[in-house]
N, C-alpha and C. Protein backbone atom coordinates (compact mmCIF):
# COMPACT_ATOMS: atom_id res chain seq x y z
N UNK A 1 14.04 0.68 21.41
CA UNK A 1 12.97 -0.47 21.98
C UNK A 1 11.76 -0.63 22.24
N UNK A 2 10.57 -1.15 21.49
CA UNK A 2 9.46 -1.24 21.61
C UNK A 2 9.07 -2.83 22.58
N UNK A 3 8.41 -3.44 23.35
CA UNK A 3 8.33 -4.78 24.03
C UNK A 3 6.33 -4.50 24.17
N UNK A 4 5.47 -5.00 23.33
CA UNK A 4 4.34 -5.68 23.55
C UNK A 4 4.07 -6.65 23.56
N UNK A 5 3.09 -6.56 24.40
CA UNK A 5 2.13 -7.30 24.78
C UNK A 5 0.66 -7.96 24.76
N UNK A 6 -0.03 -8.49 23.86
CA UNK A 6 -1.21 -8.63 23.82
C UNK A 6 -2.29 -9.07 25.48
N UNK A 7 -3.41 -9.41 25.66
CA UNK A 7 -4.41 -9.87 25.74
C UNK A 7 -5.88 -9.83 24.98
N UNK A 8 -6.33 -10.54 26.31
CA UNK A 8 -8.29 -10.55 25.92
C UNK A 8 -7.64 -11.61 25.12
N UNK A 9 -7.58 -12.00 24.93
CA UNK A 9 -8.43 -13.68 23.67
C UNK A 9 -8.57 -14.52 24.00
N UNK A 10 -9.85 -15.54 24.15
CA UNK A 10 -10.79 -16.48 24.04
C UNK A 10 -11.44 -17.10 23.67
N UNK A 11 -12.62 -17.77 23.50
CA UNK A 11 -13.70 -18.28 23.01
C UNK A 11 -15.06 -17.05 23.24
N UNK A 12 -15.56 -17.04 22.13
CA UNK A 12 -16.86 -16.22 22.15
C UNK A 12 -17.78 -16.71 20.78
N UNK A 13 -18.81 -16.41 21.27
CA UNK A 13 -19.65 -17.47 20.56
C UNK A 13 -19.66 -16.00 19.52
N UNK A 14 -20.23 -16.28 17.78
CA UNK A 14 -20.41 -15.82 17.16
C UNK A 14 -22.16 -14.82 17.56
N UNK A 15 -21.60 -13.51 17.43
CA UNK A 15 -22.54 -12.56 17.76
C UNK A 15 -22.33 -11.60 18.93
N UNK A 16 -21.46 -11.93 19.43
CA UNK A 16 -21.09 -11.12 20.90
C UNK A 16 -19.94 -10.67 20.54
N UNK A 17 -19.47 -10.50 22.10
CA UNK A 17 -17.92 -9.01 21.28
C UNK A 17 -16.71 -9.64 22.70
N UNK A 18 -15.77 -9.30 22.22
CA UNK A 18 -14.20 -8.90 22.79
C UNK A 18 -13.40 -8.18 22.07
N UNK A 19 -12.18 -7.88 23.35
CA UNK A 19 -11.77 -6.03 23.70
C UNK A 19 -10.61 -7.14 24.22
N UNK A 20 -9.38 -7.02 22.78
CA UNK A 20 -8.13 -6.98 22.70
C UNK A 20 -7.33 -5.51 23.29
N UNK A 21 -6.16 -5.99 24.37
CA UNK A 21 -5.36 -5.01 24.69
C UNK A 21 -4.14 -5.12 24.28
N UNK A 22 -3.76 -4.16 24.14
CA UNK A 22 -1.37 -4.42 23.81
C UNK A 22 -1.27 -3.30 24.44
N UNK A 23 -0.22 -3.63 25.76
CA UNK A 23 0.70 -2.65 26.26
C UNK A 23 1.94 -2.54 25.84
N UNK A 24 2.14 -1.73 25.81
CA UNK A 24 3.26 -0.90 24.83
C UNK A 24 4.57 -1.06 26.61
N UNK A 25 6.29 -0.98 25.91
CA UNK A 25 6.22 -0.63 27.06
C UNK A 25 7.91 -0.87 26.61
N UNK A 26 9.07 0.35 26.96
CA UNK A 26 10.12 0.98 26.19
C UNK A 26 10.03 1.91 25.76
N UNK A 27 10.49 2.09 24.70
CA UNK A 27 11.01 3.49 23.87
C UNK A 27 9.94 4.08 23.12
N UNK A 28 8.67 3.83 23.92
CA UNK A 28 7.25 4.53 23.63
C UNK A 28 7.14 5.64 23.20
N UNK A 29 7.58 6.64 23.52
CA UNK A 29 7.56 7.93 22.98
C UNK A 29 7.94 7.90 21.39
N UNK A 30 9.19 7.23 20.81
CA UNK A 30 9.35 6.82 19.42
C UNK A 30 8.25 6.24 18.69
N UNK A 31 6.50 5.98 18.81
CA UNK A 31 6.07 4.75 18.59
C UNK A 31 5.27 6.20 17.16
N UNK A 32 5.06 5.86 16.26
CA UNK A 32 4.49 6.55 14.93
C UNK A 32 2.76 6.28 14.93
N UNK A 33 2.91 4.84 14.85
CA UNK A 33 1.93 4.25 14.49
C UNK A 33 1.76 2.73 15.20
N UNK A 34 0.55 2.09 15.77
CA UNK A 34 -0.16 0.93 16.46
C UNK A 34 -1.39 0.34 15.58
N UNK A 35 -1.44 -0.90 15.63
CA UNK A 35 -1.96 -1.03 14.53
C UNK A 35 -2.39 -3.21 15.39
N UNK A 36 -3.61 -4.04 14.52
CA UNK A 36 -3.73 -5.12 14.44
C UNK A 36 -3.20 -5.83 13.82
N UNK A 37 -2.73 -6.67 13.87
CA UNK A 37 -3.42 -8.21 12.17
C UNK A 37 -3.79 -8.78 13.10
N UNK A 38 -4.32 -10.04 11.30
CA UNK A 38 -4.24 -11.30 12.49
C UNK A 38 -4.40 -11.79 11.25
N UNK A 39 -3.63 -13.37 11.83
CA UNK A 39 -3.50 -14.95 11.15
C UNK A 39 -4.59 -16.14 10.61
N UNK A 40 -5.46 -16.16 10.39
CA UNK A 40 -6.59 -17.18 10.91
C UNK A 40 -5.93 -18.80 10.18
N UNK A 41 -6.24 -19.31 10.47
CA UNK A 41 -5.38 -20.78 10.56
C UNK A 41 -6.02 -20.97 9.04
N UNK A 42 -4.52 -21.49 8.32
CA UNK A 42 -4.26 -21.71 7.22
C UNK A 42 -3.91 -20.73 6.03
N UNK A 43 -4.17 -19.25 6.72
CA UNK A 43 -4.46 -17.90 6.20
C UNK A 43 -3.00 -17.01 6.28
N UNK A 44 -3.05 -16.11 4.99
CA UNK A 44 -2.05 -15.25 5.39
C UNK A 44 -2.47 -14.70 6.52
N UNK A 45 -1.31 -13.37 6.72
CA UNK A 45 -1.14 -12.33 8.07
C UNK A 45 -2.20 -11.00 7.60
N UNK A 46 -3.62 -10.73 7.73
CA UNK A 46 -3.86 -9.77 7.25
C UNK A 46 -3.78 -8.17 7.75
N UNK A 47 -3.77 -7.36 7.73
CA UNK A 47 -3.88 -6.12 8.41
C UNK A 47 -5.65 -5.79 9.23
N UNK A 48 -6.09 -5.89 10.63
CA UNK A 48 -7.39 -5.65 11.26
C UNK A 48 -7.51 -3.87 10.69
N UNK A 49 -6.49 -3.18 11.99
CA UNK A 49 -6.94 -1.50 12.12
C UNK A 49 -5.71 -1.56 12.60
N UNK A 50 -5.54 0.31 12.12
CA UNK A 50 -4.60 0.49 12.72
C UNK A 50 -4.75 2.56 13.27
N UNK A 51 -3.90 2.91 13.77
CA UNK A 51 -4.49 3.96 14.50
C UNK A 51 -2.66 4.66 14.62
N UNK A 52 -2.40 6.27 14.53
CA UNK A 52 -1.52 7.10 14.17
C UNK A 52 -1.31 7.68 15.77
N UNK A 53 -0.34 8.48 15.96
CA UNK A 53 -0.25 8.74 17.43
C UNK A 53 -1.05 9.78 17.87
N UNK A 54 -1.58 10.94 16.00
CA UNK A 54 -2.57 11.79 16.24
C UNK A 54 -3.86 11.69 16.29
N UNK A 55 -4.36 10.23 16.24
CA UNK A 55 -5.46 9.63 16.66
C UNK A 55 -6.25 9.17 14.90
N UNK A 56 -5.92 9.41 13.69
CA UNK A 56 -5.91 8.69 12.93
C UNK A 56 -6.43 7.32 12.74
N UNK A 57 -7.87 6.71 12.25
CA UNK A 57 -7.43 5.01 12.07
C UNK A 57 -7.88 4.71 11.47
N UNK A 58 -7.42 3.45 10.19
CA UNK A 58 -8.23 2.49 9.53
C UNK A 58 -7.91 1.29 9.17
N UNK A 59 -9.67 0.98 8.95
CA UNK A 59 -9.82 -0.44 9.22
C UNK A 59 -10.13 -0.98 8.09
N UNK A 60 -9.88 -2.62 7.68
CA UNK A 60 -9.91 -3.22 6.87
C UNK A 60 -11.72 -3.46 7.10
N UNK A 61 -11.99 -3.73 5.56
CA UNK A 61 -13.29 -3.80 4.84
C UNK A 61 -14.17 -4.86 5.64
N UNK A 62 -13.15 -5.99 5.87
CA UNK A 62 -13.80 -7.15 6.26
C UNK A 62 -14.51 -6.75 7.70
N UNK A 63 -13.44 -5.85 8.43
CA UNK A 63 -13.98 -5.11 10.46
C UNK A 63 -14.60 -4.21 10.18
N UNK A 64 -14.68 -3.05 9.23
CA UNK A 64 -15.29 -1.48 9.20
C UNK A 64 -16.85 -2.28 9.76
N UNK A 65 -17.04 -1.14 11.50
CA UNK A 65 -18.39 -1.34 11.05
C UNK A 65 -18.67 -1.98 12.31
N UNK A 66 -17.72 -3.19 12.88
CA UNK A 66 -17.92 -4.04 13.72
C UNK A 66 -16.73 -3.79 14.52
N UNK A 67 -14.78 -3.30 14.60
CA UNK A 67 -14.45 -3.42 15.22
C UNK A 67 -14.03 -1.52 16.04
N UNK A 68 -13.36 -1.44 16.80
CA UNK A 68 -13.18 0.08 16.79
C UNK A 68 -11.49 0.15 17.35
N UNK A 69 -10.74 0.67 17.48
CA UNK A 69 -9.36 0.75 17.79
C UNK A 69 -9.20 1.47 18.59
N UNK A 70 -9.40 1.97 19.90
CA UNK A 70 -9.49 3.08 20.92
C UNK A 70 -7.61 3.34 21.15
N UNK A 71 -7.93 4.57 22.29
CA UNK A 71 -6.26 4.10 22.92
C UNK A 71 -6.37 4.27 24.12
N UNK A 72 -5.74 4.72 25.33
CA UNK A 72 -4.96 4.97 26.23
C UNK A 72 -4.31 5.67 26.36
N UNK A 73 -3.26 6.76 26.18
CA UNK A 73 -1.98 6.86 25.93
C UNK A 73 -1.39 6.80 27.26
N UNK A 74 -2.14 7.51 28.30
CA UNK A 74 -1.95 7.36 29.83
C UNK A 74 -1.04 5.74 30.50
N UNK A 75 -2.15 4.54 29.74
CA UNK A 75 -1.97 3.49 30.40
C UNK A 75 -0.69 2.95 28.97
N UNK A 76 -0.16 3.64 28.13
CA UNK A 76 0.58 3.52 26.83
C UNK A 76 -0.19 2.48 26.37
N UNK A 77 -1.21 2.12 26.08
CA UNK A 77 -2.09 1.07 26.07
C UNK A 77 -2.91 1.08 24.10
N UNK A 78 -3.19 0.28 23.64
CA UNK A 78 -3.88 -0.50 22.95
C UNK A 78 -4.96 -0.54 22.38
N UNK A 79 -6.44 -0.92 21.77
CA UNK A 79 -7.21 -2.03 22.49
C UNK A 79 -7.71 -1.86 21.02
N UNK A 80 -8.55 -3.52 20.83
CA UNK A 80 -9.62 -3.33 19.35
C UNK A 80 -10.63 -3.87 20.49
N UNK A 81 -12.12 -3.46 20.80
CA UNK A 81 -13.09 -3.87 20.39
C UNK A 81 -13.68 -4.38 19.26
N UNK A 82 -13.91 -5.99 19.34
CA UNK A 82 -14.48 -6.12 18.37
C UNK A 82 -15.93 -6.77 19.03
N UNK A 83 -16.87 -6.19 18.01
CA UNK A 83 -18.51 -6.27 18.28
C UNK A 83 -18.71 -7.12 17.20
N UNK A 84 -20.04 -7.74 17.14
CA UNK A 84 -20.85 -8.71 16.24
C UNK A 84 -19.74 -9.79 15.43
N UNK A 85 -18.82 -9.97 16.36
CA UNK A 85 -18.25 -11.51 15.85
C UNK A 85 -18.70 -12.69 15.44
N UNK A 86 -17.91 -12.32 14.32
CA UNK A 86 -18.27 -14.48 13.22
C UNK A 86 -17.17 -15.01 13.11
N UNK A 87 -17.61 -16.36 12.84
CA UNK A 87 -16.82 -17.74 12.89
C UNK A 87 -15.52 -16.82 12.18
N UNK A 88 -15.67 -16.22 11.30
CA UNK A 88 -14.63 -15.96 10.22
C UNK A 88 -13.61 -15.02 10.73
N UNK A 89 -14.09 -14.48 11.63
CA UNK A 89 -12.67 -13.57 13.18
C UNK A 89 -12.11 -14.27 13.23
N UNK A 90 -12.88 -15.85 13.87
CA UNK A 90 -11.21 -17.07 14.21
C UNK A 90 -9.71 -16.34 13.33
N UNK A 91 -9.26 -16.80 14.86
CA UNK A 91 -7.10 -15.90 14.14
C UNK A 91 -6.62 -16.35 15.50
N UNK A 92 -5.46 -15.91 15.22
CA UNK A 92 -4.37 -14.83 16.05
C UNK A 92 -4.43 -14.04 15.63
N UNK A 93 -4.43 -12.85 17.07
CA UNK A 93 -3.80 -11.56 17.00
C UNK A 93 -2.73 -10.77 17.07
N UNK A 94 -2.30 -10.43 16.67
CA UNK A 94 -1.29 -9.41 16.57
C UNK A 94 -0.95 -8.22 16.84
N UNK A 95 -0.46 -7.32 18.26
CA UNK A 95 0.00 -6.00 18.25
C UNK A 95 1.12 -5.63 16.87
N UNK A 96 1.32 -4.49 16.26
CA UNK A 96 1.93 -3.71 15.75
C UNK A 96 2.36 -2.01 15.77
N UNK A 97 3.74 -1.83 16.79
CA UNK A 97 4.01 -0.72 16.98
C UNK A 97 4.50 -0.63 15.52
N UNK A 98 5.19 0.74 15.37
CA UNK A 98 6.06 1.23 14.43
C UNK A 98 7.38 2.75 15.12
N UNK A 99 8.10 2.38 14.65
CA UNK A 99 9.36 3.75 14.82
C UNK A 99 9.60 3.74 13.66
N UNK A 100 9.69 4.88 12.89
CA UNK A 100 10.27 5.56 11.85
C UNK A 100 10.23 4.01 10.77
N UNK A 101 11.62 2.94 10.07
CA UNK A 101 10.71 2.41 9.52
C UNK A 101 11.43 0.93 10.16
N UNK A 102 10.96 0.95 11.58
CA UNK A 102 11.14 -0.45 12.50
C UNK A 102 9.67 -1.10 12.75
N UNK A 103 9.98 -1.42 12.84
CA UNK A 103 8.12 -2.56 13.13
C UNK A 103 8.85 -3.64 14.27
N UNK A 104 7.59 -3.45 15.33
CA UNK A 104 7.94 -4.20 16.65
C UNK A 104 6.68 -5.23 16.47
N UNK A 105 6.51 -6.36 17.00
CA UNK A 105 5.37 -6.76 17.16
C UNK A 105 5.47 -7.66 18.32
N UNK A 106 3.44 -7.76 18.57
CA UNK A 106 4.07 -8.55 20.07
C UNK A 106 3.48 -10.58 19.62
N UNK A 107 2.96 -11.30 20.85
CA UNK A 107 2.96 -12.92 20.47
C UNK A 107 2.28 -13.24 19.33
N UNK A 108 0.82 -12.83 20.35
CA UNK A 108 0.11 -13.16 19.55
C UNK A 108 -1.34 -13.16 21.15
N UNK A 109 -2.31 -13.48 20.35
CA UNK A 109 -3.52 -13.66 21.44
C UNK A 109 -4.66 -14.34 20.30
N UNK A 110 -4.81 -15.27 20.79
CA UNK A 110 -5.41 -16.34 20.55
C UNK A 110 -7.43 -15.90 20.28
N UNK A 111 -8.34 -15.79 18.99
CA UNK A 111 -9.60 -15.49 19.32
C UNK A 111 -10.58 -16.71 18.50
N UNK A 112 -11.21 -17.15 19.09
CA UNK A 112 -11.85 -17.86 18.86
C UNK A 112 -13.36 -17.94 18.85
N UNK A 113 -14.15 -17.78 17.72
CA UNK A 113 -15.71 -17.61 17.28
C UNK A 113 -16.37 -19.26 17.40
N UNK A 114 -17.13 -18.90 18.09
CA UNK A 114 -18.12 -20.64 17.62
C UNK A 114 -19.24 -20.16 16.66
N UNK A 115 -19.77 -20.94 15.92
CA UNK A 115 -21.41 -21.21 15.55
C UNK A 115 -22.17 -21.01 15.94
């Protein structure tokens, strides 16, 4: 079992930056990969970025070049560094951990980007 807690969401102006954190606890040694997803108002859940245990990353086209998914293994924390934010980035951001065939989700943190 893994528990995930997101933090760092808030209100930011377009062009600004924000850093989200996802702290993991429990059976963290079993995690194969972690990622960030988001759900904008009236939209479906979409992948933002992922990182594997060996550091391989993947980014959605809409955030590539603007977002980075660094990690701190000692702190059992994955981050989402968001730069050059746009109003269309407004969404609830969710952290996900993959353990084999099982997915674990955080409760989400709201990011609002004003124009």
